[in-house]
């Protein structure tokens, strides 16, 4: 052990972050909760595909899913 180095330096000081990214949208009485997933191409044969990332949002709960279906139906 080196002098002056705290004993707990190897221990994270904050809890690890979740691999799931969430997003909450709220306006007036509407609250929508989503999680997102990213898709990337690991070993593309074309350079253009190397930079392509696709992000998709999925409802976290049934209330959000129902509201999204309702809003999608109302927009045609």
PDB file of N, CA and C in Angstrom:
ATOM      1  N   UNK A   1       0.848  -1.179   0.000  1.00  0.00           N
ATOM      2  CA  UNK A   1       0.000   0.000   0.000  1.00  0.00           C
ATOM      3  C   UNK A   1       0.896   1.245   0.000  1.00  0.00           C
ATOM      4  N   UNK A   2       0.535   2.212  -0.833  1.00  0.00           N
ATOM      5  CA  UNK A   2       1.294   3.454  -0.902  1.00  0.00           C
ATOM      6  C   UNK A   2       0.847   4.402   0.213  1.00  0.00           C
ATOM      7  N   UNK A   3       1.776   5.148   0.778  1.00  0.00           N
ATOM      8  CA  UNK A   3       1.401   6.078   1.844  1.00  0.00           C
ATOM      9  C   UNK A   3       0.526   7.212   1.303  1.00  0.00           C
ATOM     10  N   UNK A   4      -0.481   7.598   2.094  1.00  0.00           N
ATOM     11  CA  UNK A   4      -1.353   8.710   1.737  1.00  0.00           C
ATOM     12  C   UNK A   4      -2.511   8.356   0.826  1.00  0.00           C
ATOM     13  N   UNK A   5      -2.589   7.113   0.360  1.00  0.00           N
ATOM     14  CA  UNK A   5      -3.701   6.693  -0.502  1.00  0.00           C
ATOM     15  C   UNK A   5      -4.803   6.133   0.394  1.00  0.00           C
ATOM     16  N   UNK A   6      -6.019   6.657   0.299  1.00  0.00           N
ATOM     17  CA  UNK A   6      -7.103   6.167   1.152  1.00  0.00           C
ATOM     18  C   UNK A   6      -7.372   4.677   0.920  1.00  0.00           C
ATOM     19  N   UNK A   7      -7.754   3.982   1.980  1.00  0.00           N
ATOM     20  CA  UNK A   7      -7.988   2.541   1.895  1.00  0.00           C
ATOM     21  C   UNK A   7      -9.163   2.213   0.972  1.00  0.00           C
ATOM     22  N   UNK A   8     -10.159   3.103   0.894  1.00  0.00           N
ATOM     23  CA  UNK A   8     -11.341   2.820   0.087  1.00  0.00           C
ATOM     24  C   UNK A   8     -11.277   3.331  -1.340  1.00  0.00           C
ATOM     25  N   UNK A   9     -10.102   3.627  -1.857  1.00  0.00           N
ATOM     26  CA  UNK A   9      -9.995   4.215  -3.205  1.00  0.00           C
ATOM     27  C   UNK A   9     -10.468   3.277  -4.298  1.00  0.00           C
ATOM     28  N   UNK A  10     -10.495   1.967  -4.057  1.00  0.00           N
ATOM     29  CA  UNK A  10     -10.954   1.016  -5.066  1.00  0.00           C
ATOM     30  C   UNK A  10     -12.471   0.833  -5.058  1.00  0.00           C
ATOM     31  N   UNK A  11     -13.126   1.357  -4.056  1.00  0.00           N
ATOM     32  CA  UNK A  11     -14.573   1.183  -3.904  1.00  0.00           C
ATOM     33  C   UNK A  11     -15.292   2.359  -4.557  1.00  0.00           C
ATOM     34  N   UNK A  12     -16.254   2.087  -5.445  1.00  0.00           N
ATOM     35  CA  UNK A  12     -16.993   3.195  -6.067  1.00  0.00           C
ATOM     36  C   UNK A  12     -17.736   4.019  -5.008  1.00  0.00           C
ATOM     37  N   UNK A  13     -17.738   5.314  -5.187  1.00  0.00           N
ATOM     38  CA  UNK A  13     -18.388   6.200  -4.234  1.00  0.00           C
ATOM     39  C   UNK A  13     -19.863   6.408  -4.534  1.00  0.00           C
ATOM     40  N   UNK A  14     -20.295   6.025  -5.714  1.00  0.00           N
ATOM     41  CA  UNK A  14     -21.704   6.152  -6.077  1.00  0.00           C
ATOM     42  C   UNK A  14     -22.194   4.794  -6.558  1.00  0.00           C
ATOM     43  N   UNK A  15     -23.492   4.550  -6.441  1.00  0.00           N
ATOM     44  CA  UNK A  15     -24.004   3.259  -6.908  1.00  0.00           C
ATOM     45  C   UNK A  15     -23.830   3.138  -8.415  1.00  0.00           C
ATOM     46  N   UNK A  16     -23.631   1.934  -8.924  1.00  0.00           N
ATOM     47  CA  UNK A  16     -23.470   1.762 -10.369  1.00  0.00           C
ATOM     48  C   UNK A  16     -24.735   2.182 -11.104  1.00  0.00           C
ATOM     49  N   UNK A  17     -24.561   2.730 -12.281  1.00  0.00           N
ATOM     50  CA  UNK A  17     -25.714   3.172 -13.056  1.00  0.00           C
ATOM     51  C   UNK A  17     -26.377   1.977 -13.732  1.00  0.00           C
ATOM     52  N   UNK A  18     -27.624   2.141 -14.022  1.00  0.00           N
ATOM     53  CA  UNK A  18     -28.402   1.084 -14.654  1.00  0.00           C
ATOM     54  C   UNK A  18     -28.100   1.037 -16.152  1.00  0.00           C
ATOM     55  N   UNK A  19     -28.131  -0.140 -16.758  1.00  0.00           N
ATOM     56  CA  UNK A  19     -27.914  -0.214 -18.205  1.00  0.00           C
ATOM     57  C   UNK A  19     -29.133   0.240 -19.000  1.00  0.00           C
ATOM     58  N   UNK A  20     -30.222   0.518 -18.294  1.00  0.00           N
ATOM     59  CA  UNK A  20     -31.462   0.939 -18.952  1.00  0.00           C
ATOM     60  C   UNK A  20     -31.600   2.446 -18.845  1.00  0.00           C
ATOM     61  N   UNK A  21     -31.817   3.089 -19.979  1.00  0.00           N
ATOM     62  CA  UNK A  21     -32.025   4.537 -20.012  1.00  0.00           C
ATOM     63  C   UNK A  21     -33.520   4.793 -20.011  1.00  0.00           C
ATOM     64  N   UNK A  22     -33.997   5.587 -19.059  1.00  0.00           N
ATOM     65  CA  UNK A  22     -35.433   5.881 -18.986  1.00  0.00           C
ATOM     66  C   UNK A  22     -35.689   7.335 -19.350  1.00  0.00           C
ATOM     67  N   UNK A  23     -36.923   7.589 -19.748  1.00  0.00           N
ATOM     68  CA  UNK A  23     -37.325   8.945 -20.098  1.00  0.00           C
ATOM     69  C   UNK A  23     -38.763   9.141 -19.628  1.00  0.00           C
ATOM     70  N   UNK A  24     -39.011  10.228 -18.920  1.00  0.00           N
ATOM     71  CA  UNK A  24     -40.352  10.563 -18.473  1.00  0.00           C
ATOM     72  C   UNK A  24     -40.779  11.868 -19.125  1.00  0.00           C
ATOM     73  N   UNK A  25     -41.968  11.848 -19.707  1.00  0.00           N
ATOM     74  CA  UNK A  25     -42.545  13.044 -20.319  1.00  0.00           C
ATOM     75  C   UNK A  25     -43.816  13.385 -19.552  1.00  0.00           C
ATOM     76  N   UNK A  26     -43.925  14.645 -19.126  1.00  0.00           N
ATOM     77  CA  UNK A  26     -45.115  15.060 -18.388  1.00  0.00           C
ATOM     78  C   UNK A  26     -45.584  16.409 -18.909  1.00  0.00           C
ATOM     79  N   UNK A  27     -46.903  16.492 -19.127  1.00  0.00           N
ATOM     80  CA  UNK A  27     -47.520  17.766 -19.493  1.00  0.00           C
ATOM     81  C   UNK A  27     -48.953  17.731 -18.987  1.00  0.00           C
ATOM     82  N   UNK A  28     -49.297  18.718 -18.182  1.00  0.00           N
ATOM     83  CA  UNK A  28     -50.611  18.782 -17.547  1.00  0.00           C
ATOM     84  C   UNK A  28     -50.889  17.468 -16.815  1.00  0.00           C
ATOM     85  N   UNK A  29     -51.943  16.757 -17.198  1.00  0.00           N
ATOM     86  CA  UNK A  29     -52.278  15.517 -16.504  1.00  0.00           C
ATOM     87  C   UNK A  29     -51.767  14.271 -17.233  1.00  0.00           C
ATOM     88  N   UNK A  30     -50.978  14.452 -18.280  1.00  0.00           N
ATOM     89  CA  UNK A  30     -50.438  13.312 -19.038  1.00  0.00           C
ATOM     90  C   UNK A  30     -49.021  13.014 -18.555  1.00  0.00           C
ATOM     91  N   UNK A  31     -48.780  11.743 -18.254  1.00  0.00           N
ATOM     92  CA  UNK A  31     -47.454  11.290 -17.845  1.00  0.00           C
ATOM     93  C   UNK A  31     -47.118  10.043 -18.651  1.00  0.00           C
ATOM     94  N   UNK A  32     -46.007  10.097 -19.390  1.00  0.00           N
ATOM     95  CA  UNK A  32     -45.575   8.975 -20.212  1.00  0.00           C
ATOM     96  C   UNK A  32     -44.179   8.547 -19.778  1.00  0.00           C
ATOM     97  N   UNK A  33     -44.001   7.238 -19.569  1.00  0.00           N
ATOM     98  CA  UNK A  33     -42.718   6.695 -19.129  1.00  0.00           C
ATOM     99  C   UNK A  33     -42.219   5.684 -20.159  1.00  0.00           C
ATOM    100  N   UNK A  34     -40.982   5.889 -20.616  1.00  0.00           N
ATOM    101  CA  UNK A  34     -40.393   5.019 -21.634  1.00  0.00           C
ATOM    102  C   UNK A  34     -39.010   4.549 -21.195  1.00  0.00           C
ATOM    103  N   UNK A  35     -38.559   3.441 -21.790  1.00  0.00           N
ATOM    104  CA  UNK A  35     -37.153   3.076 -21.726  1.00  0.00           C
ATOM    105  C   UNK A  35     -36.671   2.974 -23.155  1.00  0.00           C
ATOM    106  N   UNK A  36     -35.391   3.176 -23.373  1.00  0.00           N
ATOM    107  CA  UNK A  36     -34.877   3.160 -24.735  1.00  0.00           C
ATOM    108  C   UNK A  36     -33.814   2.092 -24.908  1.00  0.00           C
ATOM    109  N   UNK A  37     -33.668   1.653 -26.143  1.00  0.00           N
ATOM    110  CA  UNK A  37     -32.635   0.700 -26.518  1.00  0.00           C
ATOM    111  C   UNK A  37     -31.935   1.227 -27.751  1.00  0.00           C
ATOM    112  N   UNK A  38     -30.626   1.055 -27.785  1.00  0.00           N
ATOM    113  CA  UNK A  38     -29.836   1.449 -28.939  1.00  0.00           C
ATOM    114  C   UNK A  38     -29.415   0.209 -29.711  1.00  0.00           C
ATOM    115  N   UNK A  39     -29.445   0.311 -31.010  1.00  0.00           N
ATOM    116  CA  UNK A  39     -28.950  -0.752 -31.868  1.00  0.00           C
ATOM    117  C   UNK A  39     -27.806  -0.180 -32.687  1.00  0.00           C
ATOM    118  N   UNK A  40     -26.704  -0.894 -32.720  1.00  0.00           N
ATOM    119  CA  UNK A  40     -25.568  -0.498 -33.545  1.00  0.00           C
ATOM    120  C   UNK A  40     -25.113  -1.706 -34.358  1.00  0.00           C
ATOM    121  N   UNK A  41     -24.438  -1.448 -35.430  1.00  0.00           N
ATOM    122  CA  UNK A  41     -23.900  -2.511 -36.268  1.00  0.00           C
ATOM    123  C   UNK A  41     -22.468  -2.774 -35.826  1.00  0.00           C
ATOM    124  N   UNK A  42     -22.219  -3.974 -35.313  1.00  0.00           N
ATOM    125  CA  UNK A  42     -20.926  -4.282 -34.710  1.00  0.00           C
ATOM    126  C   UNK A  42     -19.787  -4.310 -35.727  1.00  0.00           C
ATOM    127  N   UNK A  43     -19.964  -4.999 -36.843  1.00  0.00           N
ATOM    128  CA  UNK A  43     -18.879  -5.118 -37.821  1.00  0.00           C
ATOM    129  C   UNK A  43     -19.426  -4.907 -39.232  1.00  0.00           C
ATOM    130  N   UNK A  44     -19.840  -3.685 -39.550  1.00  0.00           N
ATOM    131  CA  UNK A  44     -20.398  -3.436 -40.881  1.00  0.00           C
ATOM    132  C   UNK A  44     -19.311  -3.488 -41.959  1.00  0.00           C
ATOM    133  N   UNK A  45     -19.738  -3.794 -43.159  1.00  0.00           N
ATOM    134  CA  UNK A  45     -18.814  -3.837 -44.294  1.00  0.00           C
ATOM    135  C   UNK A  45     -18.708  -2.475 -44.987  1.00  0.00           C
ATOM    136  N   UNK A  46     -19.623  -1.555 -44.641  1.00  0.00           N
ATOM    137  CA  UNK A  46     -19.582  -0.226 -45.234  1.00  0.00           C
ATOM    138  C   UNK A  46     -19.371   0.806 -44.130  1.00  0.00           C
ATOM    139  N   UNK A  47     -18.584   1.817 -44.434  1.00  0.00           N
ATOM    140  CA  UNK A  47     -18.248   2.847 -43.451  1.00  0.00           C
ATOM    141  C   UNK A  47     -19.492   3.589 -42.985  1.00  0.00           C
ATOM    142  N   UNK A  48     -20.439   3.835 -43.868  1.00  0.00           N
ATOM    143  CA  UNK A  48     -21.653   4.568 -43.496  1.00  0.00           C
ATOM    144  C   UNK A  48     -22.438   3.832 -42.412  1.00  0.00           C
ATOM    145  N   UNK A  49     -22.464   2.524 -42.459  1.00  0.00           N
ATOM    146  CA  UNK A  49     -23.188   1.751 -41.455  1.00  0.00           C
ATOM    147  C   UNK A  49     -22.483   1.773 -40.104  1.00  0.00           C
ATOM    148  N   UNK A  50     -21.199   2.007 -40.100  1.00  0.00           N
ATOM    149  CA  UNK A  50     -20.439   2.031 -38.858  1.00  0.00           C
ATOM    150  C   UNK A  50     -20.933   3.139 -37.928  1.00  0.00           C
ATOM    151  N   UNK A  51     -21.399   4.242 -38.494  1.00  0.00           N
ATOM    152  CA  UNK A  51     -21.864   5.368 -37.699  1.00  0.00           C
ATOM    153  C   UNK A  51     -23.360   5.309 -37.399  1.00  0.00           C
ATOM    154  N   UNK A  52     -24.072   4.347 -37.964  1.00  0.00           N
ATOM    155  CA  UNK A  52     -25.522   4.281 -37.810  1.00  0.00           C
ATOM    156  C   UNK A  52     -25.894   3.698 -36.458  1.00  0.00           C
ATOM    157  N   UNK A  53     -26.722   4.421 -35.730  1.00  0.00           N
ATOM    158  CA  UNK A  53     -27.264   3.955 -34.458  1.00  0.00           C
ATOM    159  C   UNK A  53     -28.769   4.190 -34.487  1.00  0.00           C
ATOM    160  N   UNK A  54     -29.522   3.219 -34.040  1.00  0.00           N
ATOM    161  CA  UNK A  54     -30.975   3.315 -34.036  1.00  0.00           C
ATOM    162  C   UNK A  54     -31.437   3.284 -32.587  1.00  0.00           C
ATOM    163  N   UNK A  55     -32.241   4.279 -32.190  1.00  0.00           N
ATOM    164  CA  UNK A  55     -32.770   4.316 -30.832  1.00  0.00           C
ATOM    165  C   UNK A  55     -34.275   4.101 -30.896  1.00  0.00           C
ATOM    166  N   UNK A  56     -34.769   3.175 -30.101  1.00  0.00           N
ATOM    167  CA  UNK A  56     -36.202   2.874 -30.034  1.00  0.00           C
ATOM    168  C   UNK A  56     -36.686   3.092 -28.603  1.00  0.00           C
ATOM    169  N   UNK A  57     -37.874   3.649 -28.483  1.00  0.00           N
ATOM    170  CA  UNK A  57     -38.471   3.883 -27.168  1.00  0.00           C
ATOM    171  C   UNK A  57     -39.626   2.917 -26.966  1.00  0.00           C
ATOM    172  N   UNK A  58     -39.699   2.317 -25.777  1.00  0.00           N
ATOM    173  CA  UNK A  58     -40.742   1.359 -25.428  1.00  0.00           C
ATOM    174  C   UNK A  58     -41.432   1.819 -24.157  1.00  0.00           C
ATOM    175  N   UNK A  59     -42.751   1.633 -24.073  1.00  0.00           N
ATOM    176  CA  UNK A  59     -43.459   2.047 -22.860  1.00  0.00           C
ATOM    177  C   UNK A  59     -43.042   1.201 -21.655  1.00  0.00           C
ATOM    178  N   UNK A  60     -42.915   1.857 -20.515  1.00  0.00           N
ATOM    179  CA  UNK A  60     -42.528   1.171 -19.292  1.00  0.00           C
ATOM    180  C   UNK A  60     -43.730   0.483 -18.640  1.00  0.00           C
ATOM    181  N   UNK A  61     -44.903   1.066 -18.804  1.00  0.00           N
ATOM    182  CA  UNK A  61     -46.080   0.534 -18.122  1.00  0.00           C
ATOM    183  C   UNK A  61     -47.287   0.510 -19.059  1.00  0.00           C
ATOM    184  N   UNK A  62     -48.353  -0.134 -18.613  1.00  0.00           N
ATOM    185  CA  UNK A  62     -49.546  -0.276 -19.454  1.00  0.00           C
ATOM    186  C   UNK A  62     -50.257   1.059 -19.676  1.00  0.00           C
ATOM    187  N   UNK A  63     -50.190   1.958 -18.702  1.00  0.00           N
ATOM    188  CA  UNK A  63     -50.830   3.273 -18.877  1.00  0.00           C
ATOM    189  C   UNK A  63     -50.165   4.049 -20.008  1.00  0.00           C
ATOM    190  N   UNK A  64     -48.845   4.006 -20.076  1.00  0.00           N
ATOM    191  CA  UNK A  64     -48.121   4.682 -21.159  1.00  0.00           C
ATOM    192  C   UNK A  64     -48.435   4.032 -22.498  1.00  0.00           C
ATOM    193  N   UNK A  65     -48.449   2.707 -22.531  1.00  0.00           N
ATOM    194  CA  UNK A  65     -48.757   2.000 -23.780  1.00  0.00           C
ATOM    195  C   UNK A  65     -50.150   2.366 -24.279  1.00  0.00           C
ATOM    196  N   UNK A  66     -51.122   2.421 -23.382  1.00  0.00           N
ATOM    197  CA  UNK A  66     -52.494   2.764 -23.773  1.00  0.00           C
ATOM    198  C   UNK A  66     -52.563   4.203 -24.291  1.00  0.00           C
ATOM    199  N   UNK A  67     -51.903   5.118 -23.631  1.00  0.00           N
ATOM    200  CA  UNK A  67     -51.931   6.525 -24.046  1.00  0.00           C
ATOM    201  C   UNK A  67     -51.256   6.704 -25.396  1.00  0.00           C
ATOM    202  N   UNK A  68     -50.151   6.003 -25.634  1.00  0.00           N
ATOM    203  CA  UNK A  68     -49.466   6.088 -26.924  1.00  0.00           C
ATOM    204  C   UNK A  68     -50.362   5.555 -28.040  1.00  0.00           C
ATOM    205  N   UNK A  69     -51.040   4.422 -27.790  1.00  0.00           N
ATOM    206  CA  UNK A  69     -51.988   3.896 -28.790  1.00  0.00           C
ATOM    207  C   UNK A  69     -53.108   4.883 -29.059  1.00  0.00           C
ATOM    208  N   UNK A  70     -53.617   5.514 -27.995  1.00  0.00           N
ATOM    209  CA  UNK A  70     -54.694   6.505 -28.147  1.00  0.00           C
ATOM    210  C   UNK A  70     -54.219   7.708 -28.962  1.00  0.00           C
ATOM    211  N   UNK A  71     -53.035   8.210 -28.673  1.00  0.00           N
ATOM    212  CA  UNK A  71     -52.505   9.354 -29.408  1.00  0.00           C
ATOM    213  C   UNK A  71     -52.196   8.990 -30.866  1.00  0.00           C
ATOM    214  N   UNK A  72     -51.693   7.788 -31.100  1.00  0.00           N
ATOM    215  CA  UNK A  72     -51.408   7.348 -32.469  1.00  0.00           C
ATOM    216  C   UNK A  72     -52.687   7.214 -33.270  1.00  0.00           C
ATOM    217  N   UNK A  73     -53.750   6.716 -32.659  1.00  0.00           N
ATOM    218  CA  UNK A  73     -55.034   6.555 -33.351  1.00  0.00           C
ATOM    219  C   UNK A  73     -55.656   7.911 -33.684  1.00  0.00           C
ATOM    220  N   UNK A  74     -55.445   8.890 -32.820  1.00  0.00           N
ATOM    221  CA  UNK A  74     -56.060  10.199 -33.039  1.00  0.00           C
ATOM    222  C   UNK A  74     -55.329  11.011 -34.121  1.00  0.00           C
ATOM    223  N   UNK A  75     -54.079  10.653 -34.417  1.00  0.00           N
ATOM    224  CA  UNK A  75     -53.333  11.397 -35.440  1.00  0.00           C
ATOM    225  C   UNK A  75     -53.461  10.756 -36.822  1.00  0.00           C
ATOM    226  N   UNK A  76     -54.111   9.628 -36.882  1.00  0.00           N
ATOM    227  CA  UNK A  76     -54.384   9.035 -38.180  1.00  0.00           C
ATOM    228  C   UNK A  76     -53.402   8.018 -38.545  1.00  0.00           C
TER     229      UNK A  76
END
